[in-house]
PDB file of N, CA and C in Angstrom:
ATOM      1  N   MET A   1     -17.723  -2.522 284.036  1.00  0.00           N
ATOM      2  CA  MET A   1     -19.155  -2.525 284.238  1.00  0.00           C
ATOM      3  C   MET A   1     -19.536  -3.820 284.937  1.00  0.00           C
ATOM      4  N   ARG A   2     -20.301  -3.692 285.985  1.00  0.00           N
ATOM      5  CA  ARG A   2     -20.700  -4.859 286.766  1.00  0.00           C
ATOM      6  C   ARG A   2     -22.195  -4.810 287.049  1.00  0.00           C
ATOM      7  N   LYS A   3     -22.748  -5.969 287.287  1.00  0.00           N
ATOM      8  CA  LYS A   3     -24.139  -6.058 287.711  1.00  0.00           C
ATOM      9  C   LYS A   3     -24.235  -5.492 289.125  1.00  0.00           C
ATOM     10  N   LYS A   4     -25.278  -4.710 289.380  1.00  0.00           N
ATOM     11  CA  LYS A   4     -25.474  -4.159 290.717  1.00  0.00           C
ATOM     12  C   LYS A   4     -25.587  -5.322 291.705  1.00  0.00           C
ATOM     13  N   GLY A   5     -24.908  -5.199 292.834  1.00  0.00           N
ATOM     14  CA  GLY A   5     -24.947  -6.243 293.845  1.00  0.00           C
ATOM     15  C   GLY A   5     -24.014  -7.399 293.544  1.00  0.00           C
ATOM     16  N   TYR A   6     -23.029  -7.178 292.683  1.00  0.00           N
ATOM     17  CA  TYR A   6     -22.058  -8.225 292.331  1.00  0.00           C
ATOM     18  C   TYR A   6     -21.442  -8.796 293.602  1.00  0.00           C
ATOM     19  N   LYS A   7     -21.378 -10.120 293.693  1.00  0.00           N
ATOM     20  CA  LYS A   7     -20.935 -10.781 294.926  1.00  0.00           C
ATOM     21  C   LYS A   7     -19.530 -11.371 294.836  1.00  0.00           C
ATOM     22  N   GLY A   8     -18.747 -10.985 293.846  1.00  0.00           N
ATOM     23  CA  GLY A   8     -17.400 -11.529 293.693  1.00  0.00           C
ATOM     24  C   GLY A   8     -16.432 -10.956 294.716  1.00  0.00           C
ATOM     25  N   ARG A   9     -15.201 -11.413 294.622  1.00  0.00           N
ATOM     26  CA  ARG A   9     -14.133 -10.958 295.522  1.00  0.00           C
ATOM     27  C   ARG A   9     -13.945  -9.449 295.382  1.00  0.00           C
ATOM     28  N   CYS A  10     -13.800  -8.795 296.510  1.00  0.00           N
ATOM     29  CA  CYS A  10     -13.762  -7.335 296.538  1.00  0.00           C
ATOM     30  C   CYS A  10     -12.573  -6.844 297.357  1.00  0.00           C
ATOM     31  N   GLU A  11     -11.886  -5.833 296.828  1.00  0.00           N
ATOM     32  CA  GLU A  11     -10.829  -5.155 297.584  1.00  0.00           C
ATOM     33  C   GLU A  11     -11.355  -3.762 297.922  1.00  0.00           C
ATOM     34  N   LYS A  12     -11.278  -3.408 299.189  1.00  0.00           N
ATOM     35  CA  LYS A  12     -11.741  -2.086 299.616  1.00  0.00           C
ATOM     36  C   LYS A  12     -10.541  -1.157 299.720  1.00  0.00           C
ATOM     37  N   LYS A  13     -10.667  -0.002 299.067  1.00  0.00           N
ATOM     38  CA  LYS A  13      -9.591   0.989 299.077  1.00  0.00           C
ATOM     39  C   LYS A  13     -10.105   2.282 299.681  1.00  0.00           C
ATOM     40  N   ASP A  14      -9.292   2.881 300.506  1.00  0.00           N
ATOM     41  CA  ASP A  14      -9.625   4.175 301.088  1.00  0.00           C
ATOM     42  C   ASP A  14      -8.843   5.231 300.312  1.00  0.00           C
ATOM     43  N   LEU A  15      -9.529   5.906 299.388  1.00  0.00           N
ATOM     44  CA  LEU A  15      -8.899   6.924 298.552  1.00  0.00           C
ATOM     45  C   LEU A  15      -9.332   8.306 299.020  1.00  0.00           C
ATOM     46  N   SER A  16      -8.395   9.228 299.090  1.00  0.00           N
ATOM     47  CA  SER A  16      -8.727  10.570 299.576  1.00  0.00           C
ATOM     48  C   SER A  16      -9.664  11.320 298.618  1.00  0.00           C
ATOM     49  N   LYS A  17      -9.639  10.977 297.330  1.00  0.00           N
ATOM     50  CA  LYS A  17     -10.493  11.642 296.348  1.00  0.00           C
ATOM     51  C   LYS A  17     -11.885  11.020 296.259  1.00  0.00           C
ATOM     52  N   CYS A  18     -12.113   9.954 297.009  1.00  0.00           N
ATOM     53  CA  CYS A  18     -13.391   9.243 296.986  1.00  0.00           C
ATOM     54  C   CYS A  18     -14.067   9.414 298.345  1.00  0.00           C
ATOM     55  N   GLN A  19     -15.328   9.865 298.355  1.00  0.00           N
ATOM     56  CA  GLN A  19     -16.020  10.133 299.612  1.00  0.00           C
ATOM     57  C   GLN A  19     -16.390   8.867 300.375  1.00  0.00           C
ATOM     58  N   GLU A  20     -16.526   7.767 299.664  1.00  0.00           N
ATOM     59  CA  GLU A  20     -16.859   6.501 300.311  1.00  0.00           C
ATOM     60  C   GLU A  20     -15.727   5.512 300.051  1.00  0.00           C
ATOM     61  N   VAL A  21     -15.814   4.338 300.619  1.00  0.00           N
ATOM     62  CA  VAL A  21     -14.815   3.306 300.369  1.00  0.00           C
ATOM     63  C   VAL A  21     -14.960   2.840 298.923  1.00  0.00           C
ATOM     64  N   CYS A  22     -13.864   2.808 298.203  1.00  0.00           N
ATOM     65  CA  CYS A  22     -13.872   2.375 296.804  1.00  0.00           C
ATOM     66  C   CYS A  22     -13.708   0.859 296.762  1.00  0.00           C
ATOM     67  N   ARG A  23     -14.678   0.179 296.193  1.00  0.00           N
ATOM     68  CA  ARG A  23     -14.627  -1.279 296.081  1.00  0.00           C
ATOM     69  C   ARG A  23     -14.192  -1.652 294.671  1.00  0.00           C
ATOM     70  N   THR A  24     -13.076  -2.370 294.576  1.00  0.00           N
ATOM     71  CA  THR A  24     -12.590  -2.835 293.282  1.00  0.00           C
ATOM     72  C   THR A  24     -12.718  -4.353 293.219  1.00  0.00           C
ATOM     73  N   TYR A  25     -13.057  -4.858 292.039  1.00  0.00           N
ATOM     74  CA  TYR A  25     -13.360  -6.278 291.881  1.00  0.00           C
ATOM     75  C   TYR A  25     -12.370  -7.037 291.013  1.00  0.00           C
ATOM     76  N   ASP A  26     -11.363  -6.353 290.479  1.00  0.00           N
ATOM     77  CA  ASP A  26     -10.320  -7.046 289.719  1.00  0.00           C
ATOM     78  C   ASP A  26      -9.070  -6.173 289.671  1.00  0.00           C
ATOM     79  N   ALA A  27      -8.000  -6.723 289.127  1.00  0.00           N
ATOM     80  CA  ALA A  27      -6.716  -6.027 289.103  1.00  0.00           C
ATOM     81  C   ALA A  27      -6.750  -4.747 288.279  1.00  0.00           C
ATOM     82  N   ILE A  28      -7.515  -4.753 287.197  1.00  0.00           N
ATOM     83  CA  ILE A  28      -7.597  -3.558 286.348  1.00  0.00           C
ATOM     84  C   ILE A  28      -8.216  -2.407 287.139  1.00  0.00           C
ATOM     85  N   GLN A  29      -9.344  -2.679 287.793  1.00  0.00           N
ATOM     86  CA  GLN A  29     -10.001  -1.639 288.594  1.00  0.00           C
ATOM     87  C   GLN A  29      -9.082  -1.142 289.699  1.00  0.00           C
ATOM     88  N   SER A  30      -8.443  -2.042 290.398  1.00  0.00           N
ATOM     89  CA  SER A  30      -7.575  -1.674 291.517  1.00  0.00           C
ATOM     90  C   SER A  30      -6.421  -0.792 291.065  1.00  0.00           C
ATOM     91  N   ASN A  31      -5.747  -1.198 290.002  1.00  0.00           N
ATOM     92  CA  ASN A  31      -4.619  -0.410 289.490  1.00  0.00           C
ATOM     93  C   ASN A  31      -5.077   0.938 288.955  1.00  0.00           C
ATOM     94  N   TYR A  32      -6.217   0.968 288.271  1.00  0.00           N
ATOM     95  CA  TYR A  32      -6.697   2.241 287.721  1.00  0.00           C
ATOM     96  C   TYR A  32      -7.145   3.193 288.826  1.00  0.00           C
ATOM     97  N   ALA A  33      -7.693   2.660 289.910  1.00  0.00           N
ATOM     98  CA  ALA A  33      -8.066   3.505 291.057  1.00  0.00           C
ATOM     99  C   ALA A  33      -6.824   4.207 291.603  1.00  0.00           C
ATOM    100  N   ASP A  34      -5.710   3.484 291.681  1.00  0.00           N
ATOM    101  CA  ASP A  34      -4.459   4.093 292.149  1.00  0.00           C
ATOM    102  C   ASP A  34      -3.965   5.163 291.179  1.00  0.00           C
ATOM    103  N   ILE A  35      -4.098   4.906 289.886  1.00  0.00           N
ATOM    104  CA  ILE A  35      -3.690   5.891 288.879  1.00  0.00           C
ATOM    105  C   ILE A  35      -4.522   7.162 289.008  1.00  0.00           C
ATOM    106  N   LEU A  36      -5.842   7.005 289.160  1.00  0.00           N
ATOM    107  CA  LEU A  36      -6.720   8.175 289.324  1.00  0.00           C
ATOM    108  C   LEU A  36      -6.382   8.945 290.597  1.00  0.00           C
ATOM    109  N   GLN A  37      -6.105   8.216 291.667  1.00  0.00           N
ATOM    110  CA  GLN A  37      -5.767   8.852 292.945  1.00  0.00           C
ATOM    111  C   GLN A  37      -4.524   9.730 292.807  1.00  0.00           C
ATOM    112  N   ASN A  38      -3.564   9.306 291.998  1.00  0.00           N
ATOM    113  CA  ASN A  38      -2.307  10.042 291.845  1.00  0.00           C
ATOM    114  C   ASN A  38      -2.323  11.049 290.703  1.00  0.00           C
ATOM    115  N   ASP A  39      -3.418  11.131 289.959  1.00  0.00           N
ATOM    116  CA  ASP A  39      -3.534  12.061 288.833  1.00  0.00           C
ATOM    117  C   ASP A  39      -4.000  13.423 289.348  1.00  0.00           C
ATOM    118  N   ASN A  40      -3.169  14.450 289.159  1.00  0.00           N
ATOM    119  CA  ASN A  40      -3.504  15.797 289.649  1.00  0.00           C
ATOM    120  C   ASN A  40      -4.670  16.425 288.909  1.00  0.00           C
ATOM    121  N   ASP A  41      -5.018  15.918 287.724  1.00  0.00           N
ATOM    122  CA  ASP A  41      -6.128  16.456 286.947  1.00  0.00           C
ATOM    123  C   ASP A  41      -7.480  15.939 287.453  1.00  0.00           C
ATOM    124  N   ILE A  42      -7.471  14.927 288.300  1.00  0.00           N
ATOM    125  CA  ILE A  42      -8.701  14.351 288.839  1.00  0.00           C
ATOM    126  C   ILE A  42      -8.964  14.909 290.233  1.00  0.00           C
ATOM    127  N   GLN A  43     -10.148  15.506 290.410  1.00  0.00           N
ATOM    128  CA  GLN A  43     -10.512  16.111 291.693  1.00  0.00           C
ATOM    129  C   GLN A  43     -11.298  15.169 292.604  1.00  0.00           C
ATOM    130  N   LYS A  44     -12.200  14.384 291.999  1.00  0.00           N
ATOM    131  CA  LYS A  44     -13.096  13.540 292.782  1.00  0.00           C
ATOM    132  C   LYS A  44     -13.337  12.238 292.019  1.00  0.00           C
ATOM    133  N   ILE A  45     -13.416  11.129 292.757  1.00  0.00           N
ATOM    134  CA  ILE A  45     -13.638   9.812 292.156  1.00  0.00           C
ATOM    135  C   ILE A  45     -14.891   9.187 292.764  1.00  0.00           C
ATOM    136  N   ARG A  46     -15.755   8.644 291.900  1.00  0.00           N
ATOM    137  CA  ARG A  46     -16.892   7.831 292.353  1.00  0.00           C
ATOM    138  C   ARG A  46     -16.735   6.460 291.728  1.00  0.00           C
ATOM    139  N   CYS A  47     -16.850   5.420 292.538  1.00  0.00           N
ATOM    140  CA  CYS A  47     -16.674   4.047 292.071  1.00  0.00           C
ATOM    141  C   CYS A  47     -18.018   3.344 291.992  1.00  0.00           C
ATOM    142  N   ASN A  48     -18.169   2.472 290.993  1.00  0.00           N
ATOM    143  CA  ASN A  48     -19.351   1.619 290.851  1.00  0.00           C
ATOM    144  C   ASN A  48     -20.651   2.424 290.916  1.00  0.00           C
ATOM    145  N   VAL A  49     -20.793   3.358 289.989  1.00  0.00           N
ATOM    146  CA  VAL A  49     -21.939   4.270 289.931  1.00  0.00           C
ATOM    147  C   VAL A  49     -23.099   3.608 289.185  1.00  0.00           C
ATOM    148  N   LEU A  50     -24.249   3.535 289.837  1.00  0.00           N
ATOM    149  CA  LEU A  50     -25.427   2.888 289.264  1.00  0.00           C
ATOM    150  C   LEU A  50     -25.926   3.637 288.032  1.00  0.00           C
ATOM    151  N   LEU A  51     -26.216   2.891 286.973  1.00  0.00           N
ATOM    152  CA  LEU A  51     -26.807   3.453 285.763  1.00  0.00           C
ATOM    153  C   LEU A  51     -28.321   3.357 285.914  1.00  0.00           C
ATOM    154  N   ASP A  52     -28.940   4.398 286.425  1.00  0.00           N
ATOM    155  CA  ASP A  52     -30.382   4.412 286.690  1.00  0.00           C
ATOM    156  C   ASP A  52     -31.183   4.296 285.410  1.00  0.00           C
ATOM    157  N   GLY A  53     -32.148   3.380 285.408  1.00  0.00           N
ATOM    158  CA  GLY A  53     -33.063   3.255 284.279  1.00  0.00           C
ATOM    159  C   GLY A  53     -32.503   2.550 283.070  1.00  0.00           C
ATOM    160  N   LEU A  54     -31.403   1.845 283.214  1.00  0.00           N
ATOM    161  CA  LEU A  54     -30.827   1.108 282.094  1.00  0.00           C
ATOM    162  C   LEU A  54     -31.747  -0.050 281.731  1.00  0.00           C
ATOM    163  N   SER A  55     -32.110  -0.164 280.456  1.00  0.00           N
ATOM    164  CA  SER A  55     -33.079  -1.176 280.034  1.00  0.00           C
ATOM    165  C   SER A  55     -32.531  -2.606 280.125  1.00  0.00           C
ATOM    166  N   ASP A  56     -31.205  -2.756 280.139  1.00  0.00           N
ATOM    167  CA  ASP A  56     -30.592  -4.087 280.179  1.00  0.00           C
ATOM    168  C   ASP A  56     -30.496  -4.673 281.585  1.00  0.00           C
ATOM    169  N   GLY A  57     -30.934  -3.941 282.596  1.00  0.00           N
ATOM    170  CA  GLY A  57     -30.846  -4.411 283.979  1.00  0.00           C
ATOM    171  C   GLY A  57     -30.128  -3.396 284.844  1.00  0.00           C
ATOM    172  N   ALA A  58     -29.831  -3.782 286.078  1.00  0.00           N
ATOM    173  CA  ALA A  58     -29.159  -2.884 287.021  1.00  0.00           C
ATOM    174  C   ALA A  58     -27.649  -3.114 286.952  1.00  0.00           C
ATOM    175  N   TYR A  59     -26.955  -2.178 286.315  1.00  0.00           N
ATOM    176  CA  TYR A  59     -25.507  -2.263 286.165  1.00  0.00           C
ATOM    177  C   TYR A  59     -24.863  -0.985 286.679  1.00  0.00           C
ATOM    178  N   THR A  60     -23.546  -1.078 286.945  1.00  0.00           N
ATOM    179  CA  THR A  60     -22.805   0.081 287.425  1.00  0.00           C
ATOM    180  C   THR A  60     -21.637   0.380 286.498  1.00  0.00           C
ATOM    181  N   SER A  61     -21.271   1.651 286.407  1.00  0.00           N
ATOM    182  CA  SER A  61     -20.052   2.050 285.704  1.00  0.00           C
ATOM    183  C   SER A  61     -18.912   2.012 286.708  1.00  0.00           C
ATOM    184  N   ASP A  62     -17.727   1.634 286.259  1.00  0.00           N
ATOM    185  CA  ASP A  62     -16.605   1.452 287.174  1.00  0.00           C
ATOM    186  C   ASP A  62     -16.146   2.754 287.823  1.00  0.00           C
ATOM    187  N   PHE A  63     -15.893   3.786 287.032  1.00  0.00           N
ATOM    188  CA  PHE A  63     -15.410   5.055 287.594  1.00  0.00           C
ATOM    189  C   PHE A  63     -16.087   6.238 286.917  1.00  0.00           C
ATOM    190  N   VAL A  64     -16.559   7.175 287.736  1.00  0.00           N
ATOM    191  CA  VAL A  64     -17.036   8.471 287.260  1.00  0.00           C
ATOM    192  C   VAL A  64     -16.211   9.497 288.036  1.00  0.00           C
ATOM    193  N   CYS A  65     -15.459  10.324 287.313  1.00  0.00           N
ATOM    194  CA  CYS A  65     -14.518  11.250 287.943  1.00  0.00           C
ATOM    195  C   CYS A  65     -14.820  12.695 287.556  1.00  0.00           C
ATOM    196  N   VAL A  66     -14.557  13.596 288.491  1.00  0.00           N
ATOM    197  CA  VAL A  66     -14.642  15.024 288.224  1.00  0.00           C
ATOM    198  C   VAL A  66     -13.220  15.510 287.974  1.00  0.00           C
ATOM    199  N   LYS A  67     -13.004  16.111 286.797  1.00  0.00           N
ATOM    200  CA  LYS A  67     -11.680  16.615 286.451  1.00  0.00           C
ATOM    201  C   LYS A  67     -11.504  18.029 287.005  1.00  0.00           C
ATOM    202  N   ALA A  68     -10.287  18.523 286.948  1.00  0.00           N
ATOM    203  CA  ALA A  68      -9.960  19.843 287.500  1.00  0.00           C
ATOM    204  C   ALA A  68     -10.776  20.953 286.844  1.00  0.00           C
ATOM    205  N   ASP A  69     -11.130  20.799 285.565  1.00  0.00           N
ATOM    206  CA  ASP A  69     -11.906  21.827 284.875  1.00  0.00           C
ATOM    207  C   ASP A  69     -13.414  21.683 285.122  1.00  0.00           C
ATOM    208  N   GLY A  70     -13.802  20.715 285.959  1.00  0.00           N
ATOM    209  CA  GLY A  70     -15.209  20.521 286.306  1.00  0.00           C
ATOM    210  C   GLY A  70     -15.947  19.532 285.428  1.00  0.00           C
ATOM    211  N   ASP A  71     -15.321  19.098 284.326  1.00  0.00           N
ATOM    212  CA  ASP A  71     -15.957  18.116 283.446  1.00  0.00           C
ATOM    213  C   ASP A  71     -15.948  16.726 284.083  1.00  0.00           C
ATOM    214  N   LEU A  72     -16.901  15.899 283.666  1.00  0.00           N
ATOM    215  CA  LEU A  72     -16.959  14.517 284.152  1.00  0.00           C
ATOM    216  C   LEU A  72     -16.283  13.588 283.156  1.00  0.00           C
ATOM    217  N   MET A  73     -15.704  12.524 283.692  1.00  0.00           N
ATOM    218  CA  MET A  73     -15.021  11.512 282.889  1.00  0.00           C
ATOM    219  C   MET A  73     -15.511  10.148 283.382  1.00  0.00           C
ATOM    220  N   VAL A  74     -15.854   9.261 282.464  1.00  0.00           N
ATOM    221  CA  VAL A  74     -16.330   7.916 282.809  1.00  0.00           C
ATOM    222  C   VAL A  74     -15.368   6.896 282.223  1.00  0.00           C
ATOM    223  N   ARG A  75     -14.990   5.906 283.036  1.00  0.00           N
ATOM    224  CA  ARG A  75     -14.119   4.831 282.573  1.00  0.00           C
ATOM    225  C   ARG A  75     -14.694   3.481 282.981  1.00  0.00           C
ATOM    226  N   GLU A  76     -14.684   2.559 282.021  1.00  0.00           N
ATOM    227  CA  GLU A  76     -15.106   1.171 282.247  1.00  0.00           C
ATOM    228  C   GLU A  76     -13.866   0.288 282.121  1.00  0.00           C
ATOM    229  N   CYS A  77     -13.678  -0.631 283.055  1.00  0.00           N
ATOM    230  CA  CYS A  77     -12.529  -1.530 283.055  1.00  0.00           C
ATOM    231  C   CYS A  77     -12.933  -2.886 282.486  1.00  0.00           C
ATOM    232  N   VAL A  78     -12.161  -3.356 281.498  1.00  0.00           N
ATOM    233  CA  VAL A  78     -12.499  -4.606 280.817  1.00  0.00           C
ATOM    234  C   VAL A  78     -11.216  -5.386 280.515  1.00  0.00           C
ATOM    235  N   PHE A  79     -11.274  -6.687 280.731  1.00  0.00           N
ATOM    236  CA  PHE A  79     -10.163  -7.530 280.323  1.00  0.00           C
ATOM    237  C   PHE A  79     -10.210  -7.704 278.800  1.00  0.00           C
ATOM    238  N   ARG A  80      -9.054  -7.644 278.172  1.00  0.00           N
ATOM    239  CA  ARG A  80      -8.932  -7.740 276.718  1.00  0.00           C
ATOM    240  C   ARG A  80      -9.651  -8.979 276.171  1.00  0.00           C
ATOM    241  N   LYS A  81      -9.566 -10.098 276.896  1.00  0.00           N
ATOM    242  CA  LYS A  81     -10.155 -11.351 276.410  1.00  0.00           C
ATOM    243  C   LYS A  81     -11.681 -11.311 276.332  1.00  0.00           C
ATOM    244  N   PHE A  82     -12.306 -10.331 277.006  1.00  0.00           N
ATOM    245  CA  PHE A  82     -13.764 -10.216 276.981  1.00  0.00           C
ATOM    246  C   PHE A  82     -14.278  -9.208 275.956  1.00  0.00           C
ATOM    247  N   LEU A  83     -13.383  -8.480 275.291  1.00  0.00           N
ATOM    248  CA  LEU A  83     -13.795  -7.418 274.374  1.00  0.00           C
ATOM    249  C   LEU A  83     -14.597  -7.913 273.174  1.00  0.00           C
ATOM    250  N   THR A  84     -14.430  -9.154 272.799  1.00  0.00           N
ATOM    251  CA  THR A  84     -15.145  -9.680 271.630  1.00  0.00           C
ATOM    252  C   THR A  84     -16.420 -10.426 272.012  1.00  0.00           C
ATOM    253  N   LYS A  85     -16.720 -10.525 273.272  1.00  0.00           N
ATOM    254  CA  LYS A  85     -17.923 -11.233 273.727  1.00  0.00           C
ATOM    255  C   LYS A  85     -19.154 -10.352 273.471  1.00  0.00           C
ATOM    256  N   PRO A  86     -20.202 -10.911 272.887  1.00  0.00           N
ATOM    257  CA  PRO A  86     -21.399 -10.121 272.555  1.00  0.00           C
ATOM    258  C   PRO A  86     -22.024  -9.400 273.753  1.00  0.00           C
ATOM    259  N   MET A  87     -22.095 -10.053 274.904  1.00  0.00           N
ATOM    260  CA  MET A  87     -22.706  -9.410 276.076  1.00  0.00           C
ATOM    261  C   MET A  87     -21.860  -8.232 276.558  1.00  0.00           C
ATOM    262  N   THR A  88     -20.541  -8.375 276.517  1.00  0.00           N
ATOM    263  CA  THR A  88     -19.648  -7.273 276.911  1.00  0.00           C
ATOM    264  C   THR A  88     -19.857  -6.082 275.982  1.00  0.00           C
ATOM    265  N   ILE A  89     -19.904  -6.347 274.685  1.00  0.00           N
ATOM    266  CA  ILE A  89     -20.112  -5.275 273.706  1.00  0.00           C
ATOM    267  C   ILE A  89     -21.449  -4.584 273.952  1.00  0.00           C
ATOM    268  N   LYS A  90     -22.480  -5.369 274.183  1.00  0.00           N
ATOM    269  CA  LYS A  90     -23.820  -4.818 274.431  1.00  0.00           C
ATOM    270  C   LYS A  90     -23.831  -3.922 275.671  1.00  0.00           C
ATOM    271  N   LEU A  91     -23.205  -4.379 276.747  1.00  0.00           N
ATOM    272  CA  LEU A  91     -23.195  -3.597 277.983  1.00  0.00           C
ATOM    273  C   LEU A  91     -22.342  -2.334 277.862  1.00  0.00           C
ATOM    274  N   LEU A  92     -21.213  -2.432 277.176  1.00  0.00           N
ATOM    275  CA  LEU A  92     -20.373  -1.247 276.980  1.00  0.00           C
ATOM    276  C   LEU A  92     -21.082  -0.217 276.106  1.00  0.00           C
ATOM    277  N   ASP A  93     -21.779  -0.672 275.073  1.00  0.00           N
ATOM    278  CA  ASP A  93     -22.563   0.250 274.236  1.00  0.00           C
ATOM    279  C   ASP A  93     -23.661   0.909 275.065  1.00  0.00           C
ATOM    280  N   ALA A  94     -24.314   0.133 275.925  1.00  0.00           N
ATOM    281  CA  ALA A  94     -25.379   0.679 276.778  1.00  0.00           C
ATOM    282  C   ALA A  94     -24.814   1.731 277.735  1.00  0.00           C
ATOM    283  N   SER A  95     -23.638   1.471 278.289  1.00  0.00           N
ATOM    284  CA  SER A  95     -22.998   2.435 279.192  1.00  0.00           C
ATOM    285  C   SER A  95     -22.650   3.716 278.443  1.00  0.00           C
ATOM    286  N   ARG A  96     -22.023   3.575 277.282  1.00  0.00           N
ATOM    287  CA  ARG A  96     -21.640   4.764 276.504  1.00  0.00           C
ATOM    288  C   ARG A  96     -22.870   5.587 276.132  1.00  0.00           C
ATOM    289  N   ASP A  97     -23.934   4.920 275.666  1.00  0.00           N
ATOM    290  CA  ASP A  97     -25.167   5.620 275.301  1.00  0.00           C
ATOM    291  C   ASP A  97     -25.790   6.313 276.515  1.00  0.00           C
ATOM    292  N   TYR A  98     -25.789   5.632 277.672  1.00  0.00           N
ATOM    293  CA  TYR A  98     -26.346   6.204 278.908  1.00  0.00           C
ATOM    294  C   TYR A  98     -25.636   7.513 279.253  1.00  0.00           C
ATOM    295  N   TRP A  99     -24.302   7.485 279.231  1.00  0.00           N
ATOM    296  CA  TRP A  99     -23.553   8.683 279.623  1.00  0.00           C
ATOM    297  C   TRP A  99     -23.644   9.779 278.567  1.00  0.00           C
ATOM    298  N   LEU A 100     -23.723   9.412 277.284  1.00  0.00           N
ATOM    299  CA  LEU A 100     -23.903  10.432 276.239  1.00  0.00           C
ATOM    300  C   LEU A 100     -25.242  11.148 276.414  1.00  0.00           C
ATOM    301  N   LYS A 101     -26.298  10.389 276.782  1.00  0.00           N
ATOM    302  CA  LYS A 101     -27.612  10.990 277.029  1.00  0.00           C
ATOM    303  C   LYS A 101     -27.582  11.934 278.226  1.00  0.00           C
ATOM    304  N   HIS A 102     -26.630  11.708 279.135  1.00  0.00           N
ATOM    305  CA  HIS A 102     -26.480  12.574 280.307  1.00  0.00           C
ATOM    306  C   HIS A 102     -25.435  13.665 280.079  1.00  0.00           C
ATOM    307  N   GLY A 103     -25.022  13.852 278.826  1.00  0.00           N
ATOM    308  CA  GLY A 103     -24.144  14.967 278.463  1.00  0.00           C
ATOM    309  C   GLY A 103     -22.669  14.743 278.739  1.00  0.00           C
ATOM    310  N   ILE A 104     -22.259  13.513 278.941  1.00  0.00           N
ATOM    311  CA  ILE A 104     -20.850  13.231 279.220  1.00  0.00           C
ATOM    312  C   ILE A 104     -20.239  12.541 278.005  1.00  0.00           C
ATOM    313  N   SER A 105     -19.294  13.237 277.365  1.00  0.00           N
ATOM    314  CA  SER A 105     -18.678  12.685 276.155  1.00  0.00           C
ATOM    315  C   SER A 105     -17.321  12.046 276.437  1.00  0.00           C
ATOM    316  N   ASP A 106     -16.721  12.322 277.598  1.00  0.00           N
ATOM    317  CA  ASP A 106     -15.420  11.740 277.945  1.00  0.00           C
ATOM    318  C   ASP A 106     -15.651  10.369 278.571  1.00  0.00           C
ATOM    319  N   TRP A 107     -15.922   9.409 277.704  1.00  0.00           N
ATOM    320  CA  TRP A 107     -16.187   8.020 278.118  1.00  0.00           C
ATOM    321  C   TRP A 107     -15.116   7.153 277.489  1.00  0.00           C
ATOM    322  N   GLY A 108     -14.556   6.228 278.250  1.00  0.00           N
ATOM    323  CA  GLY A 108     -13.517   5.385 277.672  1.00  0.00           C
ATOM    324  C   GLY A 108     -13.350   4.062 278.383  1.00  0.00           C
ATOM    325  N   LEU A 109     -12.483   3.229 277.814  1.00  0.00           N
ATOM    326  CA  LEU A 109     -12.207   1.907 278.360  1.00  0.00           C
ATOM    327  C   LEU A 109     -10.809   1.861 278.950  1.00  0.00           C
ATOM    328  N   VAL A 110     -10.672   1.060 279.995  1.00  0.00           N
ATOM    329  CA  VAL A 110      -9.372   0.738 280.567  1.00  0.00           C
ATOM    330  C   VAL A 110      -9.206  -0.763 280.342  1.00  0.00           C
ATOM    331  N   ILE A 111      -8.159  -1.137 279.604  1.00  0.00           N
ATOM    332  CA  ILE A 111      -7.968  -2.522 279.199  1.00  0.00           C
ATOM    333  C   ILE A 111      -6.607  -3.007 279.691  1.00  0.00           C
ATOM    334  N   ASP A 112      -6.548  -4.278 280.102  1.00  0.00           N
ATOM    335  CA  ASP A 112      -5.276  -4.833 280.556  1.00  0.00           C
ATOM    336  C   ASP A 112      -4.292  -4.937 279.399  1.00  0.00           C
ATOM    337  N   GLU A 113      -2.990  -4.969 279.735  1.00  0.00           N
ATOM    338  CA  GLU A 113      -1.942  -5.070 278.730  1.00  0.00           C
ATOM    339  C   GLU A 113      -1.900  -6.470 278.155  1.00  0.00           C
ATOM    340  N   GLU A 114      -1.329  -6.562 276.965  1.00  0.00           N
ATOM    341  CA  GLU A 114      -1.178  -7.890 276.344  1.00  0.00           C
ATOM    342  C   GLU A 114      -0.003  -8.610 276.927  1.00  0.00           C
TER     343      GLU A 114
END
């Protein structure tokens, strides 16, 4: 999850399952984009999707994917060292609540290895 308009270092990836250029901002996002690209169960990938109307500010979800059965899947990428930070917890809860209100229950985290 990132603030809309994040100005950090960006890697642009051209993925066949993504209609636009996929911008990744860290190693977790970049590696997970490759995993999604190679997953036969994933039909379409959207990167950095704006959470419209979020009360905490303008933030984006890292990946929103359409699976082969037509269901949507949302994944947020987080470094393990940030999982205990209050702001990270608040934003992840806001993301999960946002997507649950939009009828998407397949929401999860992608975390770096120890």
